[in-house]
Amino acid sequence: MPTLKKRINITIDKETDKILNLLAKKANVPKATITTRLLNDALELEEDFRLGDTAEQRRNDGSKYILDRDEFWK
């Protein structure tokens, strides 16, 4: 059955493979599903870090349109 999802090939070490297998078995889902979930989580974290770095830089540069936490929640 064809899929509309993009496929990629990755190389992982034995320990990572073992962990992915255990997680997939515990969640009763295919290893590809666990891998996709973990990759999506990692991408969201990376985005958060980069946005945080950008916000910190803007705050340090004295940008006037950036509110600090206390002003934002008023």
Protein backbone atom coordinates (compact mmCIF):
# COMPACT_ATOMS: atom_id res chain seq x y z
CA MET A 1 0.00 0.00 0.00
CA PRO A 2 1.60 3.28 -1.08
CA THR A 3 2.03 6.09 1.39
CA LEU A 4 1.93 9.85 0.97
CA LYS A 5 4.49 10.32 3.72
CA LYS A 6 8.09 11.14 2.85
CA ARG A 7 10.54 8.35 3.63
CA ILE A 8 14.09 8.79 4.91
CA ASN A 9 16.87 6.36 5.68
CA ILE A 10 18.90 6.74 8.86
CA THR A 11 21.68 4.73 10.44
CA ILE A 12 21.46 4.12 14.17
CA ASP A 13 23.61 2.23 16.62
CA LYS A 14 22.51 -1.01 18.30
CA GLU A 15 21.67 0.67 21.60
CA THR A 16 19.39 3.24 19.95
CA ASP A 17 17.70 0.45 17.99
CA LYS A 18 17.16 -1.51 21.18
CA ILE A 19 15.59 1.50 22.91
CA LEU A 20 13.33 2.23 19.96
CA ASN A 21 12.20 -1.39 19.90
CA LEU A 22 11.41 -1.32 23.62
CA LEU A 23 9.48 1.94 23.34
CA ALA A 24 7.52 0.67 20.35
CA LYS A 25 6.66 -2.58 22.11
CA LYS A 26 5.58 -0.75 25.26
CA ALA A 27 3.35 1.64 23.28
CA ASN A 28 2.15 -1.17 20.97
CA VAL A 29 2.99 0.84 17.85
CA PRO A 30 5.49 0.34 15.02
CA LYS A 31 9.07 1.44 15.56
CA ALA A 32 8.63 3.97 12.75
CA THR A 33 5.80 5.62 14.68
CA ILE A 34 7.92 5.97 17.83
CA THR A 35 10.82 7.30 15.77
CA THR A 36 8.59 9.85 14.07
CA ARG A 37 7.14 11.01 17.40
CA LEU A 38 10.59 11.41 18.93
CA LEU A 39 11.89 13.25 15.88
CA ASN A 40 8.90 15.63 15.96
CA ASP A 41 9.48 16.27 19.67
CA ALA A 42 13.15 17.01 19.00
CA LEU A 43 12.25 19.43 16.20
CA GLU A 44 9.83 21.28 18.48
CA LEU A 45 12.51 21.58 21.16
CA GLU A 46 15.02 22.86 18.62
CA GLU A 47 12.50 25.46 17.46
CA ASP A 48 11.88 26.53 21.07
CA PHE A 49 15.62 26.91 21.71
CA ARG A 50 16.10 28.98 18.58
CA LEU A 51 13.11 31.20 19.30
CA GLY A 52 14.37 31.64 22.85
CA ASP A 53 17.81 32.62 21.59
CA THR A 54 16.22 35.14 19.21
CA ALA A 55 14.08 36.61 21.98
CA GLU A 56 17.09 36.84 24.30
CA GLN A 57 19.14 38.59 21.62
CA ARG A 58 16.35 41.08 20.95
CA ARG A 59 15.97 41.77 24.65
CA ASN A 60 19.71 42.31 25.03
CA ASP A 61 19.74 44.62 21.99
CA GLY A 62 17.18 46.81 23.71
CA SER A 63 14.36 46.22 21.25
CA LYS A 64 11.35 48.17 22.47
CA TYR A 65 8.70 45.84 21.04
CA ILE A 66 9.74 42.92 23.25
CA LEU A 67 7.93 42.75 26.60
CA ASP A 68 9.40 41.04 29.60
CA ARG A 69 7.39 38.26 31.25
CA ASP A 70 5.80 40.48 33.92
CA GLU A 71 4.63 43.07 31.37
CA PHE A 72 3.31 40.38 29.05
CA TRP A 73 1.06 38.79 31.68
CA LYS A 74 -0.45 42.09 32.95
